[in-house]
Amino acid sequence: MKPRANCACVGSPAAIAPRWEGSLGHAQAIRIDRRTGSFEGGADPRGDGAAMKF
C-alpha cells in the first residue's frame, strides 16, 4: 500500500507536496539505546535544525 493510502486508512488527511517544499521535511531525531545508554542523533541537512542532547 502507498503512504498516501496508508494515511487515508487511519483517517489522516494526506496531500501530495512538491518534491522539495521548504516548509516540510525538516526532521531531527535522537535514538536512545537503553541497553548501553548511548545516544545517536541526526538532522536533515537541508534545514536549520539539529539533534542535540542536553
PDB file of N, CA and C in Angstrom:
ATOM      1  N   MET A   1       0.850  -1.182   0.000  1.00  0.00           N
ATOM      2  CA  MET A   1       0.000   0.000   0.000  1.00  0.00           C
ATOM      3  C   MET A   1       0.892   1.241   0.000  1.00  0.00           C
ATOM      4  N   LYS A   2       0.501   2.272  -0.715  1.00  0.00           N
ATOM      5  CA  LYS A   2       1.284   3.501  -0.805  1.00  0.00           C
ATOM      6  C   LYS A   2       1.074   4.360   0.441  1.00  0.00           C
ATOM      7  N   PRO A   3       2.083   5.193   0.805  1.00  0.00           N
ATOM      8  CA  PRO A   3       1.971   6.014   2.023  1.00  0.00           C
ATOM      9  C   PRO A   3       0.715   6.875   2.083  1.00  0.00           C
ATOM     10  N   ARG A   4       0.327   7.487   0.979  1.00  0.00           N
ATOM     11  CA  ARG A   4      -0.872   8.328   0.989  1.00  0.00           C
ATOM     12  C   ARG A   4      -2.110   7.500   1.319  1.00  0.00           C
ATOM     13  N   ALA A   5      -2.180   6.314   0.760  1.00  0.00           N
ATOM     14  CA  ALA A   5      -3.316   5.432   1.041  1.00  0.00           C
ATOM     15  C   ALA A   5      -3.291   4.984   2.503  1.00  0.00           C
ATOM     16  N   ASN A   6      -2.102   4.746   3.050  1.00  0.00           N
ATOM     17  CA  ASN A   6      -1.993   4.365   4.461  1.00  0.00           C
ATOM     18  C   ASN A   6      -2.551   5.460   5.357  1.00  0.00           C
ATOM     19  N   CYS A   7      -2.249   6.716   5.068  1.00  0.00           N
ATOM     20  CA  CYS A   7      -2.760   7.831   5.865  1.00  0.00           C
ATOM     21  C   CYS A   7      -4.283   7.882   5.796  1.00  0.00           C
ATOM     22  N   ALA A   8      -4.814   7.698   4.613  1.00  0.00           N
ATOM     23  CA  ALA A   8      -6.265   7.740   4.441  1.00  0.00           C
ATOM     24  C   ALA A   8      -6.942   6.620   5.223  1.00  0.00           C
ATOM     25  N   CYS A   9      -6.276   5.473   5.318  1.00  0.00           N
ATOM     26  CA  CYS A   9      -6.860   4.340   6.033  1.00  0.00           C
ATOM     27  C   CYS A   9      -7.048   4.627   7.521  1.00  0.00           C
ATOM     28  N   VAL A  10      -6.192   5.447   8.090  1.00  0.00           N
ATOM     29  CA  VAL A  10      -6.296   5.743   9.513  1.00  0.00           C
ATOM     30  C   VAL A  10      -7.002   7.070   9.770  1.00  0.00           C
ATOM     31  N   GLY A  11      -7.566   7.659   8.720  1.00  0.00           N
ATOM     32  CA  GLY A  11      -8.360   8.871   8.876  1.00  0.00           C
ATOM     33  C   GLY A  11      -7.579  10.169   8.855  1.00  0.00           C
ATOM     34  N   SER A  12      -6.291  10.140   8.509  1.00  0.00           N
ATOM     35  CA  SER A  12      -5.494  11.364   8.427  1.00  0.00           C
ATOM     36  C   SER A  12      -5.564  11.923   7.020  1.00  0.00           C
ATOM     37  N   PRO A  13      -5.800  13.230   6.894  1.00  0.00           N
ATOM     38  CA  PRO A  13      -5.797  13.804   5.543  1.00  0.00           C
ATOM     39  C   PRO A  13      -4.389  13.764   4.962  1.00  0.00           C
ATOM     40  N   ALA A  14      -4.268  13.540   3.682  1.00  0.00           N
ATOM     41  CA  ALA A  14      -2.966  13.480   3.026  1.00  0.00           C
ATOM     42  C   ALA A  14      -3.007  14.310   1.755  1.00  0.00           C
ATOM     43  N   ALA A  15      -1.923  15.000   1.481  1.00  0.00           N
ATOM     44  CA  ALA A  15      -1.792  15.791   0.259  1.00  0.00           C
ATOM     45  C   ALA A  15      -0.404  15.572  -0.303  1.00  0.00           C
ATOM     46  N   ILE A  16      -0.294  15.637  -1.600  1.00  0.00           N
ATOM     47  CA  ILE A  16       0.995  15.479  -2.254  1.00  0.00           C
ATOM     48  C   ILE A  16       1.671  16.850  -2.321  1.00  0.00           C
ATOM     49  N   ALA A  17       2.877  16.950  -1.772  1.00  0.00           N
ATOM     50  CA  ALA A  17       3.663  18.180  -1.810  1.00  0.00           C
ATOM     51  C   ALA A  17       4.661  18.062  -2.957  1.00  0.00           C
ATOM     52  N   PRO A  18       5.181  19.200  -3.438  1.00  0.00           N
ATOM     53  CA  PRO A  18       6.229  19.130  -4.465  1.00  0.00           C
ATOM     54  C   PRO A  18       7.428  18.330  -3.944  1.00  0.00           C
ATOM     55  N   ARG A  19       8.306  17.945  -4.848  1.00  0.00           N
ATOM     56  CA  ARG A  19       9.452  17.112  -4.482  1.00  0.00           C
ATOM     57  C   ARG A  19      10.222  17.697  -3.296  1.00  0.00           C
ATOM     58  N   TRP A  20      10.472  18.977  -3.257  1.00  0.00           N
ATOM     59  CA  TRP A  20      11.095  19.625  -2.100  1.00  0.00           C
ATOM     60  C   TRP A  20      10.306  20.874  -1.779  1.00  0.00           C
ATOM     61  N   GLU A  21       9.788  20.931  -0.603  1.00  0.00           N
ATOM     62  CA  GLU A  21       8.995  22.071  -0.134  1.00  0.00           C
ATOM     63  C   GLU A  21       9.677  22.568   1.131  1.00  0.00           C
ATOM     64  N   GLY A  22      10.069  23.832   1.176  1.00  0.00           N
ATOM     65  CA  GLY A  22      10.796  24.392   2.303  1.00  0.00           C
ATOM     66  C   GLY A  22      10.073  24.320   3.626  1.00  0.00           C
ATOM     67  N   SER A  23       8.747  24.241   3.603  1.00  0.00           N
ATOM     68  CA  SER A  23       8.001  24.195   4.858  1.00  0.00           C
ATOM     69  C   SER A  23       7.816  22.763   5.371  1.00  0.00           C
ATOM     70  N   LEU A  24       8.248  21.782   4.618  1.00  0.00           N
ATOM     71  CA  LEU A  24       8.103  20.376   5.013  1.00  0.00           C
ATOM     72  C   LEU A  24       9.446  19.668   4.975  1.00  0.00           C
ATOM     73  N   GLY A  25       9.542  18.589   5.681  1.00  0.00           N
ATOM     74  CA  GLY A  25      10.675  17.702   5.517  1.00  0.00           C
ATOM     75  C   GLY A  25      11.866  17.966   6.399  1.00  0.00           C
ATOM     76  N   HIS A  26      11.778  18.886   7.324  1.00  0.00           N
ATOM     77  CA  HIS A  26      12.899  19.148   8.223  1.00  0.00           C
ATOM     78  C   HIS A  26      12.747  18.230   9.434  1.00  0.00           C
ATOM     79  N   ALA A  27      13.599  17.237   9.508  1.00  0.00           N
ATOM     80  CA  ALA A  27      13.448  16.237  10.565  1.00  0.00           C
ATOM     81  C   ALA A  27      14.717  16.149  11.407  1.00  0.00           C
ATOM     82  N   GLN A  28      14.521  15.996  12.701  1.00  0.00           N
ATOM     83  CA  GLN A  28      15.604  15.722  13.622  1.00  0.00           C
ATOM     84  C   GLN A  28      15.166  14.544  14.473  1.00  0.00           C
ATOM     85  N   ALA A  29      16.122  13.736  14.865  1.00  0.00           N
ATOM     86  CA  ALA A  29      15.775  12.581  15.694  1.00  0.00           C
ATOM     87  C   ALA A  29      16.936  12.239  16.606  1.00  0.00           C
ATOM     88  N   ILE A  30      16.601  11.727  17.780  1.00  0.00           N
ATOM     89  CA  ILE A  30      17.590  11.189  18.704  1.00  0.00           C
ATOM     90  C   ILE A  30      17.125   9.795  19.095  1.00  0.00           C
ATOM     91  N   ARG A  31      18.025   8.843  18.965  1.00  0.00           N
ATOM     92  CA  ARG A  31      17.722   7.462  19.350  1.00  0.00           C
ATOM     93  C   ARG A  31      18.509   7.130  20.608  1.00  0.00           C
ATOM     94  N   ILE A  32      17.838   6.566  21.580  1.00  0.00           N
ATOM     95  CA  ILE A  32      18.476   6.184  22.832  1.00  0.00           C
ATOM     96  C   ILE A  32      18.556   4.666  22.886  1.00  0.00           C
ATOM     97  N   ASP A  33      19.763   4.158  23.030  1.00  0.00           N
ATOM     98  CA  ASP A  33      19.954   2.723  23.207  1.00  0.00           C
ATOM     99  C   ASP A  33      19.890   2.459  24.707  1.00  0.00           C
ATOM    100  N   ARG A  34      18.770   1.956  25.170  1.00  0.00           N
ATOM    101  CA  ARG A  34      18.568   1.770  26.603  1.00  0.00           C
ATOM    102  C   ARG A  34      19.469   0.685  27.193  1.00  0.00           C
ATOM    103  N   ARG A  35      19.951  -0.194  26.346  1.00  0.00           N
ATOM    104  CA  ARG A  35      20.849  -1.249  26.825  1.00  0.00           C
ATOM    105  C   ARG A  35      22.228  -0.688  27.169  1.00  0.00           C
ATOM    106  N   THR A  36      22.747   0.208  26.314  1.00  0.00           N
ATOM    107  CA  THR A  36      24.092   0.753  26.529  1.00  0.00           C
ATOM    108  C   THR A  36      24.083   2.170  27.098  1.00  0.00           C
ATOM    109  N   GLY A  37      22.933   2.857  27.012  1.00  0.00           N
ATOM    110  CA  GLY A  37      22.854   4.241  27.471  1.00  0.00           C
ATOM    111  C   GLY A  37      23.401   5.244  26.471  1.00  0.00           C
ATOM    112  N   SER A  38      23.712   4.800  25.268  1.00  0.00           N
ATOM    113  CA  SER A  38      24.264   5.718  24.271  1.00  0.00           C
ATOM    114  C   SER A  38      23.156   6.423  23.493  1.00  0.00           C
ATOM    115  N   PHE A  39      23.496   7.567  22.944  1.00  0.00           N
ATOM    116  CA  PHE A  39      22.582   8.379  22.145  1.00  0.00           C
ATOM    117  C   PHE A  39      23.136   8.503  20.732  1.00  0.00           C
ATOM    118  N   GLU A  40      22.253   8.492  19.746  1.00  0.00           N
ATOM    119  CA  GLU A  40      22.611   8.764  18.361  1.00  0.00           C
ATOM    120  C   GLU A  40      21.649   9.821  17.857  1.00  0.00           C
ATOM    121  N   GLY A  41      22.140  10.789  17.110  1.00  0.00           N
ATOM    122  CA  GLY A  41      21.267  11.835  16.611  1.00  0.00           C
ATOM    123  C   GLY A  41      21.575  12.174  15.174  1.00  0.00           C
ATOM    124  N   GLY A  42      20.591  12.743  14.522  1.00  0.00           N
ATOM    125  CA  GLY A  42      20.762  13.182  13.146  1.00  0.00           C
ATOM    126  C   GLY A  42      19.770  14.270  12.821  1.00  0.00           C
ATOM    127  N   ALA A  43      20.116  15.094  11.840  1.00  0.00           N
ATOM    128  CA  ALA A  43      19.246  16.187  11.414  1.00  0.00           C
ATOM    129  C   ALA A  43      19.303  16.311   9.899  1.00  0.00           C
ATOM    130  N   ASP A  44      18.204  16.718   9.322  1.00  0.00           N
ATOM    131  CA  ASP A  44      18.122  16.942   7.881  1.00  0.00           C
ATOM    132  C   ASP A  44      19.041  18.112   7.522  1.00  0.00           C
ATOM    133  N   PRO A  45      20.062  17.901   6.691  1.00  0.00           N
ATOM    134  CA  PRO A  45      20.994  18.980   6.369  1.00  0.00           C
ATOM    135  C   PRO A  45      20.376  20.116   5.546  1.00  0.00           C
ATOM    136  N   ARG A  46      19.181  19.901   4.993  1.00  0.00           N
ATOM    137  CA  ARG A  46      18.543  20.972   4.211  1.00  0.00           C
ATOM    138  C   ARG A  46      17.889  22.017   5.095  1.00  0.00           C
ATOM    139  N   GLY A  47      17.713  21.722   6.373  1.00  0.00           N
ATOM    140  CA  GLY A  47      17.075  22.659   7.296  1.00  0.00           C
ATOM    141  C   GLY A  47      18.089  23.266   8.246  1.00  0.00           C
ATOM    142  N   ASP A  48      17.602  24.055   9.178  1.00  0.00           N
ATOM    143  CA  ASP A  48      18.500  24.706  10.142  1.00  0.00           C
ATOM    144  C   ASP A  48      18.401  24.073  11.535  1.00  0.00           C
ATOM    145  N   GLY A  49      17.834  22.887  11.627  1.00  0.00           N
ATOM    146  CA  GLY A  49      17.684  22.215  12.908  1.00  0.00           C
ATOM    147  C   GLY A  49      18.906  21.392  13.264  1.00  0.00           C
ATOM    148  N   ALA A  50      18.886  20.852  14.474  1.00  0.00           N
ATOM    149  CA  ALA A  50      19.971  19.999  14.951  1.00  0.00           C
ATOM    150  C   ALA A  50      19.386  19.011  15.956  1.00  0.00           C
ATOM    151  N   ALA A  51      20.027  17.849  16.048  1.00  0.00           N
ATOM    152  CA  ALA A  51      19.664  16.859  17.055  1.00  0.00           C
ATOM    153  C   ALA A  51      20.693  16.990  18.172  1.00  0.00           C
ATOM    154  N   MET A  52      20.240  17.309  19.381  1.00  0.00           N
ATOM    155  CA  MET A  52      21.170  17.551  20.486  1.00  0.00           C
ATOM    156  C   MET A  52      20.694  16.879  21.767  1.00  0.00           C
ATOM    157  N   LYS A  53      21.624  16.536  22.602  1.00  0.00           N
ATOM    158  CA  LYS A  53      21.321  16.029  23.945  1.00  0.00           C
ATOM    159  C   LYS A  53      21.860  17.057  24.933  1.00  0.00           C
ATOM    160  N   PHE A  54      21.044  17.449  25.878  1.00  0.00           N
ATOM    161  CA  PHE A  54      21.485  18.414  26.888  1.00  0.00           C
ATOM    162  C   PHE A  54      21.738  17.721  28.187  1.00  0.00           C
TER     163      PHE A  54
END
